[in-house]
Amino acid sequence: MNKRSARLATLALAGSAVLALAACSGAAPAGSPAAGGEDLDVLPIRLNWTFEAADHPWFFAGMAEGIYAAHGIELQPQEGTGSASTLQLVASGSDPVGLVDAGTMMGGLGKGLPVQAVCVLAQRNPMSAIFPASAGISSLEDLKGKTIAVTPGDSLSQIFPAVLAANGMSEGDVNLVGLSDPAAKQSSVLTGASDAFLGYYTLQLPAVEKTSGEDMDYLAFSDLGVDTLSMGIVVNRAWAEKNQDLLTRFVAATQEAAQFVVENPEKAADDFVAGVPSFDRELALTQIEAAVPLLHTAATEGSPICETAEGDWKATEDILSTYSGLTPADSLDAYYTDAYIR
């Protein structure tokens, strides 16, 4: 079994374990609740990126299956342009709630931003450097002198310096090229303009393989010494203090929606494509099945979805403070709260 096959097999086994445990730019997606419903509290959530990735199936399934409505919420997902920009919008109060990479949030908190995580959905980190399988790349050392396409301001570009530092390298050892359009980032590798790009092995890798027909491979950040908490729901602290009931209902609905996805991945794919009609249904299912194993770490298996372990936050803080210059918080409680989790 080759390296990629072994990793994907591990991912599939992790997904089976989760299933066993279960026995400010874009418009709202298609199929979202119609405006109105005077009994529903309208809640916008700024995603970390566009709708063109099925790693947010919980929100779409939750809307399509009436889960948010049952909790008295009209959820309104909004497209984002990267974790860093979403974090700034939440911190400023422009958006009360956002989906943000945990490491990016911790860095912002260290700079005084009034934010806090209330639920971490992707607790295992799928970040990676992705490249053609034919490139002959098998280690980070092989990327020395190579051109790597990145999206400035996204979570991957925020964390990659830590990956380099953890492996005795610096940004000067590679040629980072910023491309704001993820499609251009991927195309640059397929055309040979770049040697690799930063992306999620659960998302971009299968998408590129489907559209190009070319076999791809990857180096996971988690295998390179940077295994951090990943994508979570981050709130503006002042807003949260004033809207505790709404936030509690939102987190509960999200937990229920995520559980629905775990138990019904095929239906979740249908729900996602209903909300994002331009998206390929087969690809959506592939990405959803890859996203489900990220819901828990070894420390949180068997715990409620969203709930995190103090040790995982500490490990993430240690990695980022060692390699990315993060100033540790006075207390881990500054980063997150489980107060809204049922």
Protein backbone atom coordinates (compact mmCIF):
# COMPACT_ATOMS: atom_id res chain seq x y z
CA MET A 1 0.00 0.00 0.00
CA ASN A 2 1.46 3.38 -0.99
CA LYS A 3 1.64 6.41 1.26
CA ARG A 4 -1.52 8.05 0.00
CA SER A 5 -3.53 4.84 0.04
CA ALA A 6 -2.45 4.14 3.60
CA ARG A 7 -3.51 7.61 4.71
CA LEU A 8 -6.87 7.42 3.00
CA ALA A 9 -7.43 3.97 4.49
CA THR A 10 -6.72 5.44 7.94
CA LEU A 11 -9.18 8.23 7.20
CA ALA A 12 -11.84 5.74 6.17
CA LEU A 13 -11.32 3.69 9.34
CA ALA A 14 -11.62 6.83 11.44
CA GLY A 15 -14.84 7.66 9.62
CA SER A 16 -16.17 4.19 10.40
CA ALA A 17 -15.36 4.72 14.08
CA VAL A 18 -17.32 7.98 14.12
CA LEU A 19 -20.25 6.28 12.38
CA ALA A 20 -20.16 3.54 14.96
CA LEU A 21 -20.29 6.09 17.75
CA ALA A 22 -23.29 7.63 16.11
CA ALA A 23 -25.35 4.07 16.00
CA CYS A 24 -18.94 39.32 3.48
CA SER A 25 -19.61 38.60 -0.01
CA GLY A 26 -21.83 35.83 -1.22
CA ALA A 27 -25.54 35.51 -1.19
CA ALA A 28 -27.30 32.92 0.95
CA PRO A 29 -27.24 29.48 -0.67
CA ALA A 30 -30.15 28.11 -2.63
CA GLY A 31 -32.67 26.27 -0.54
CA SER A 32 -32.05 28.33 2.60
CA PRO A 33 -35.19 29.37 4.51
CA ALA A 34 -37.14 32.16 2.94
CA ALA A 35 -36.92 35.51 4.61
CA GLY A 36 -39.62 35.94 7.18
CA GLY A 37 -40.83 33.55 9.78
CA GLU A 38 -41.37 36.07 12.52
CA ASP A 39 -40.82 33.39 15.13
CA LEU A 40 -37.30 32.67 13.85
CA ASP A 41 -34.21 34.54 14.97
CA VAL A 42 -32.11 35.47 11.93
CA LEU A 43 -28.48 34.50 12.45
CA PRO A 44 -25.84 35.16 9.79
CA ILE A 45 -22.66 33.08 9.93
CA ARG A 46 -19.58 34.08 7.97
CA LEU A 47 -17.86 31.00 6.57
CA ASN A 48 -14.11 30.76 6.16
CA TRP A 49 -14.46 30.44 2.39
CA THR A 50 -16.95 30.15 -0.44
CA PHE A 51 -19.75 27.61 -0.67
CA GLU A 52 -17.73 25.64 -3.24
CA ALA A 53 -16.45 23.08 -0.74
CA ALA A 54 -18.50 20.47 1.08
CA ASP A 55 -16.65 20.67 4.39
CA HIS A 56 -19.52 22.69 5.86
CA PRO A 57 -22.24 20.06 5.35
CA TRP A 58 -23.67 20.54 8.85
CA PHE A 59 -25.00 24.01 8.08
CA PHE A 60 -26.62 23.04 4.78
CA ALA A 61 -28.11 19.83 6.17
CA GLY A 62 -29.31 21.69 9.24
CA MET A 63 -31.17 24.18 7.08
CA ALA A 64 -32.55 21.65 4.60
CA GLU A 65 -33.70 19.24 7.30
CA GLY A 66 -35.36 21.98 9.34
CA ILE A 67 -33.05 21.51 12.31
CA TYR A 68 -32.16 25.18 12.71
CA ALA A 69 -35.79 26.19 12.23
CA ALA A 70 -36.80 23.72 14.95
CA HIS A 71 -34.45 25.60 17.26
CA GLY A 72 -36.02 28.90 16.27
CA ILE A 73 -33.22 30.01 13.94
CA GLU A 74 -33.12 31.19 10.36
CA LEU A 75 -29.46 30.54 9.57
CA GLN A 76 -27.92 32.68 6.85
CA PRO A 77 -24.48 31.42 5.74
CA GLN A 78 -22.32 34.06 4.08
CA GLU A 79 -19.25 33.36 1.95
CA GLY A 80 -15.83 34.31 3.28
CA THR A 81 -12.38 35.03 1.88
CA GLY A 82 -10.21 33.19 4.39
CA SER A 83 -10.06 32.62 8.13
CA ALA A 84 -8.07 35.77 8.79
CA SER A 85 -10.61 38.04 7.13
CA THR A 86 -13.56 36.21 8.71
CA LEU A 87 -11.92 36.61 12.12
CA GLN A 88 -11.56 40.35 11.58
CA LEU A 89 -15.24 40.64 10.64
CA VAL A 90 -16.29 38.78 13.78
CA ALA A 91 -13.91 40.76 15.97
CA SER A 92 -15.24 44.06 14.62
CA GLY A 93 -18.83 43.00 15.19
CA SER A 94 -19.71 43.15 11.49
CA ASP A 95 -20.54 39.45 11.73
CA PRO A 96 -21.45 37.98 15.13
CA VAL A 97 -20.44 34.41 14.28
CA GLY A 98 -17.81 32.96 11.95
CA LEU A 99 -16.14 29.73 10.93
CA VAL A 100 -12.44 30.21 11.60
CA ASP A 101 -9.32 28.08 11.87
CA ALA A 102 -8.46 27.62 15.56
CA GLY A 103 -4.82 28.58 15.12
CA THR A 104 -5.77 31.77 13.30
CA MET A 105 -8.24 32.62 16.06
CA MET A 106 -5.60 32.03 18.75
CA GLY A 107 -3.21 34.35 16.95
CA GLY A 108 -5.89 37.02 16.73
CA LEU A 109 -6.73 36.65 20.40
CA GLY A 110 -3.05 37.18 21.18
CA LYS A 111 -3.32 40.51 19.36
CA GLY A 112 -6.26 41.58 21.49
CA LEU A 113 -9.21 40.60 19.30
CA PRO A 114 -12.40 40.05 21.38
CA VAL A 115 -13.18 36.56 20.08
CA GLN A 116 -13.65 33.07 21.46
CA ALA A 117 -14.39 29.59 20.08
CA VAL A 118 -17.66 27.99 21.19
CA CYS A 119 -17.53 24.83 19.07
CA VAL A 120 -14.75 23.11 17.11
CA LEU A 121 -16.11 21.00 14.26
CA ALA A 122 -12.85 20.01 12.56
CA GLN A 123 -10.70 18.87 15.48
CA ARG A 124 -8.20 17.01 13.32
CA ASN A 125 -6.22 19.09 10.86
CA PRO A 126 -6.54 18.30 7.13
CA MET A 127 -4.10 20.99 5.99
CA SER A 128 -1.48 19.84 3.52
CA ALA A 129 0.82 20.62 0.63
CA ILE A 130 -0.69 19.04 -2.49
CA PHE A 131 1.18 18.14 -5.69
CA PRO A 132 1.04 15.74 -8.66
CA ALA A 133 1.81 12.16 -7.67
CA SER A 134 4.35 12.15 -10.46
CA ALA A 135 6.37 14.98 -8.88
CA GLY A 136 8.54 12.64 -6.84
CA ILE A 137 7.92 14.58 -3.61
CA SER A 138 7.94 12.45 -0.48
CA SER A 139 9.18 14.83 2.24
CA LEU A 140 9.13 18.51 3.11
CA GLU A 141 12.83 18.60 2.24
CA ASP A 142 11.82 17.82 -1.33
CA LEU A 143 9.97 21.15 -1.47
CA LYS A 144 13.16 23.17 -0.95
CA GLY A 145 13.57 25.60 -3.81
CA LYS A 146 10.13 24.72 -5.15
CA THR A 147 7.30 27.14 -5.93
CA ILE A 148 4.25 26.74 -3.68
CA ALA A 149 0.97 28.48 -4.49
CA VAL A 150 -0.87 29.89 -1.47
CA THR A 151 -3.93 32.01 -0.77
CA PRO A 152 -2.81 35.03 1.27
CA GLY A 153 -4.77 35.41 4.51
CA ASP A 154 -6.25 31.94 4.64
CA SER A 155 -5.64 29.54 7.51
CA LEU A 156 -3.14 27.44 5.54
CA SER A 157 -0.87 30.39 4.89
CA GLN A 158 -1.10 31.30 8.59
CA ILE A 159 -0.02 27.82 9.74
CA PHE A 160 2.50 26.84 7.04
CA PRO A 161 5.36 28.89 8.60
CA ALA A 162 5.01 26.68 11.68
CA VAL A 163 5.31 23.58 9.50
CA LEU A 164 8.51 24.90 7.95
CA ALA A 165 9.97 25.88 11.32
CA ALA A 166 9.08 22.53 12.86
CA ASN A 167 11.18 20.88 10.16
CA GLY A 168 14.19 23.18 10.34
CA MET A 169 13.18 25.24 7.34
CA SER A 170 12.04 28.82 6.76
CA GLU A 171 9.96 30.66 4.19
CA GLY A 172 13.21 31.53 2.44
CA ASP A 173 13.67 27.86 1.58
CA VAL A 174 10.61 27.85 -0.67
CA ASN A 175 9.10 30.25 -3.17
CA LEU A 176 5.62 31.20 -1.96
CA VAL A 177 3.37 32.66 -4.65
CA GLY A 178 0.15 34.30 -3.54
CA LEU A 179 -2.95 33.65 -5.66
CA SER A 180 -6.26 34.92 -4.32
CA ASP A 181 -8.36 32.53 -6.41
CA PRO A 182 -8.15 28.92 -5.18
CA ALA A 183 -8.90 27.68 -8.69
CA ALA A 184 -5.90 29.60 -9.99
CA LYS A 185 -3.79 28.15 -7.19
CA GLN A 186 -4.68 24.64 -8.27
CA SER A 187 -4.37 25.40 -11.98
CA SER A 188 -0.88 26.77 -11.43
CA VAL A 189 0.20 23.32 -10.25
CA LEU A 190 -1.55 21.48 -13.06
CA THR A 191 0.08 23.73 -15.66
CA GLY A 192 3.51 23.47 -14.04
CA ALA A 193 3.70 27.14 -13.01
CA SER A 194 3.89 25.97 -9.38
CA ASP A 195 5.19 22.73 -7.92
CA ALA A 196 2.64 22.44 -5.11
CA PHE A 197 -0.22 24.30 -3.48
CA LEU A 198 -1.54 24.48 0.06
CA GLY A 199 -4.96 22.93 0.56
CA TYR A 200 -7.00 20.35 2.43
CA TYR A 201 -6.38 16.74 1.46
CA THR A 202 -10.05 16.14 2.26
CA LEU A 203 -11.27 18.81 -0.17
CA GLN A 204 -8.93 20.16 -2.83
CA LEU A 205 -7.15 16.88 -3.53
CA PRO A 206 -10.26 14.92 -4.63
CA ALA A 207 -11.60 18.01 -6.42
CA VAL A 208 -8.44 18.43 -8.48
CA GLU A 209 -8.31 14.73 -9.28
CA LYS A 210 -11.93 14.79 -10.45
CA THR A 211 -11.57 17.85 -12.66
CA SER A 212 -8.12 17.09 -14.08
CA GLY A 213 -7.97 13.31 -14.10
CA GLU A 214 -4.45 13.55 -12.68
CA ASP A 215 -3.37 11.57 -9.61
CA MET A 216 -2.36 13.84 -6.75
CA ASP A 217 -0.45 13.27 -3.52
CA TYR A 218 0.07 15.32 -0.38
CA LEU A 219 2.14 16.01 2.71
CA ALA A 220 -0.17 16.45 5.70
CA PHE A 221 0.78 19.15 8.19
CA SER A 222 -0.20 16.74 10.96
CA ASP A 223 2.48 14.31 9.76
CA LEU A 224 5.03 17.12 9.73
CA GLY A 225 4.82 18.00 13.42
CA VAL A 226 1.94 20.50 13.28
CA ASP A 227 -1.21 18.69 14.35
CA THR A 228 -3.44 21.50 15.54
CA LEU A 229 -7.13 21.97 16.15
CA SER A 230 -8.73 23.10 12.93
CA MET A 231 -12.05 24.73 12.03
CA GLY A 232 -14.38 26.06 14.69
CA ILE A 233 -17.25 28.43 15.35
CA VAL A 234 -15.92 31.70 16.71
CA VAL A 235 -18.03 34.46 18.21
CA ASN A 236 -17.69 38.10 19.09
CA ARG A 237 -17.52 38.10 22.89
CA ALA A 238 -19.74 41.15 23.37
CA TRP A 239 -22.38 39.72 21.05
CA ALA A 240 -22.25 36.34 22.80
CA GLU A 241 -22.78 37.95 26.19
CA LYS A 242 -25.93 39.67 24.94
CA ASN A 243 -27.27 36.67 22.99
CA GLN A 244 -26.63 33.67 25.20
CA ASP A 245 -29.96 31.97 24.51
CA LEU A 246 -29.62 32.33 20.73
CA LEU A 247 -26.02 31.11 20.82
CA THR A 248 -26.97 28.09 22.94
CA ARG A 249 -29.71 27.18 20.49
CA PHE A 250 -27.37 27.68 17.53
CA VAL A 251 -24.69 25.40 18.96
CA ALA A 252 -27.29 22.77 19.88
CA ALA A 253 -28.75 22.89 16.37
CA THR A 254 -25.27 22.60 14.86
CA GLN A 255 -24.52 19.56 17.01
CA GLU A 256 -27.78 17.97 15.90
CA ALA A 257 -27.08 18.82 12.26
CA ALA A 258 -23.58 17.37 12.45
CA GLN A 259 -24.95 14.19 13.99
CA PHE A 260 -27.44 13.98 11.12
CA VAL A 261 -24.56 14.22 8.63
CA VAL A 262 -22.63 11.48 10.45
CA GLU A 263 -25.64 9.17 10.26
CA ASN A 264 -26.85 10.21 6.79
CA PRO A 265 -23.92 11.18 4.54
CA GLU A 266 -25.83 10.40 1.34
CA LYS A 267 -28.73 12.64 2.34
CA ALA A 268 -26.27 15.29 3.52
CA ALA A 269 -24.74 15.29 0.03
CA ASP A 270 -28.21 15.80 -1.44
CA ASP A 271 -28.83 18.66 0.99
CA PHE A 272 -25.51 20.29 0.15
CA VAL A 273 -26.12 20.16 -3.60
CA ALA A 274 -29.65 21.47 -3.07
CA GLY A 275 -28.07 24.50 -1.39
CA VAL A 276 -25.18 24.79 -3.86
CA PRO A 277 -26.65 23.54 -7.18
CA SER A 278 -23.43 24.08 -9.13
CA PHE A 279 -21.58 21.54 -6.97
CA ASP A 280 -21.01 17.96 -8.12
CA ARG A 281 -22.96 15.57 -5.92
CA GLU A 282 -20.40 12.73 -6.08
CA LEU A 283 -17.63 15.10 -5.08
CA ALA A 284 -19.79 16.47 -2.27
CA LEU A 285 -20.26 12.97 -0.87
CA THR A 286 -16.52 12.25 -1.11
CA GLN A 287 -15.69 15.45 0.76
CA ILE A 288 -18.39 14.90 3.38
CA GLU A 289 -17.17 11.36 4.10
CA ALA A 290 -13.66 12.78 4.51
CA ALA A 291 -14.86 15.59 6.79
CA VAL A 292 -16.74 13.35 9.26
CA PRO A 293 -13.56 11.76 10.77
CA LEU A 294 -12.29 15.25 11.62
CA LEU A 295 -15.08 15.81 14.18
CA HIS A 296 -13.08 14.26 17.04
CA THR A 297 -9.53 13.77 18.23
CA ALA A 298 -8.45 10.75 20.24
CA ALA A 299 -9.12 12.82 23.36
CA THR A 300 -12.72 13.66 22.41
CA GLU A 301 -13.95 10.38 20.91
CA GLY A 302 -17.28 9.61 22.57
CA SER A 303 -17.77 13.24 23.67
CA PRO A 304 -20.49 15.48 22.26
CA ILE A 305 -19.77 16.97 18.86
CA CYS A 306 -18.22 20.45 19.27
CA GLU A 307 -16.73 19.68 22.70
CA THR A 308 -12.95 19.99 22.88
CA ALA A 309 -10.25 18.70 25.20
CA GLU A 310 -8.03 21.05 27.17
CA GLY A 311 -5.02 18.97 26.15
CA ASP A 312 -5.72 19.56 22.46
CA TRP A 313 -5.81 23.31 23.01
CA LYS A 314 -2.58 23.12 24.98
CA ALA A 315 -0.88 21.08 22.25
CA THR A 316 -2.03 23.58 19.62
CA GLU A 317 -0.80 26.49 21.73
CA ASP A 318 2.57 24.80 22.28
CA ILE A 319 3.08 24.23 18.55
CA LEU A 320 2.12 27.76 17.57
CA SER A 321 4.09 29.43 20.36
CA THR A 322 7.17 27.38 19.51
CA TYR A 323 7.09 27.80 15.75
CA SER A 324 4.83 30.73 14.87
CA GLY A 325 5.52 33.30 17.57
CA LEU A 326 2.15 32.94 19.31
CA THR A 327 2.07 34.62 22.70
CA PRO A 328 0.37 32.08 25.01
CA ALA A 329 -2.80 33.26 26.69
CA ASP A 330 -2.89 33.68 30.45
CA SER A 331 -5.35 30.79 30.54
CA LEU A 332 -6.53 28.23 27.98
CA ASP A 333 -10.06 29.37 28.87
CA ALA A 334 -9.36 32.53 26.89
CA TYR A 335 -9.45 30.51 23.67
CA TYR A 336 -12.65 28.58 24.10
CA THR A 337 -15.69 27.80 26.18
CA ASP A 338 -17.86 24.69 26.29
CA ALA A 339 -20.59 26.59 28.11
CA TYR A 340 -22.94 26.51 25.10
CA ILE A 341 -22.48 22.80 24.38
CA ARG A 342 -25.12 20.31 25.49
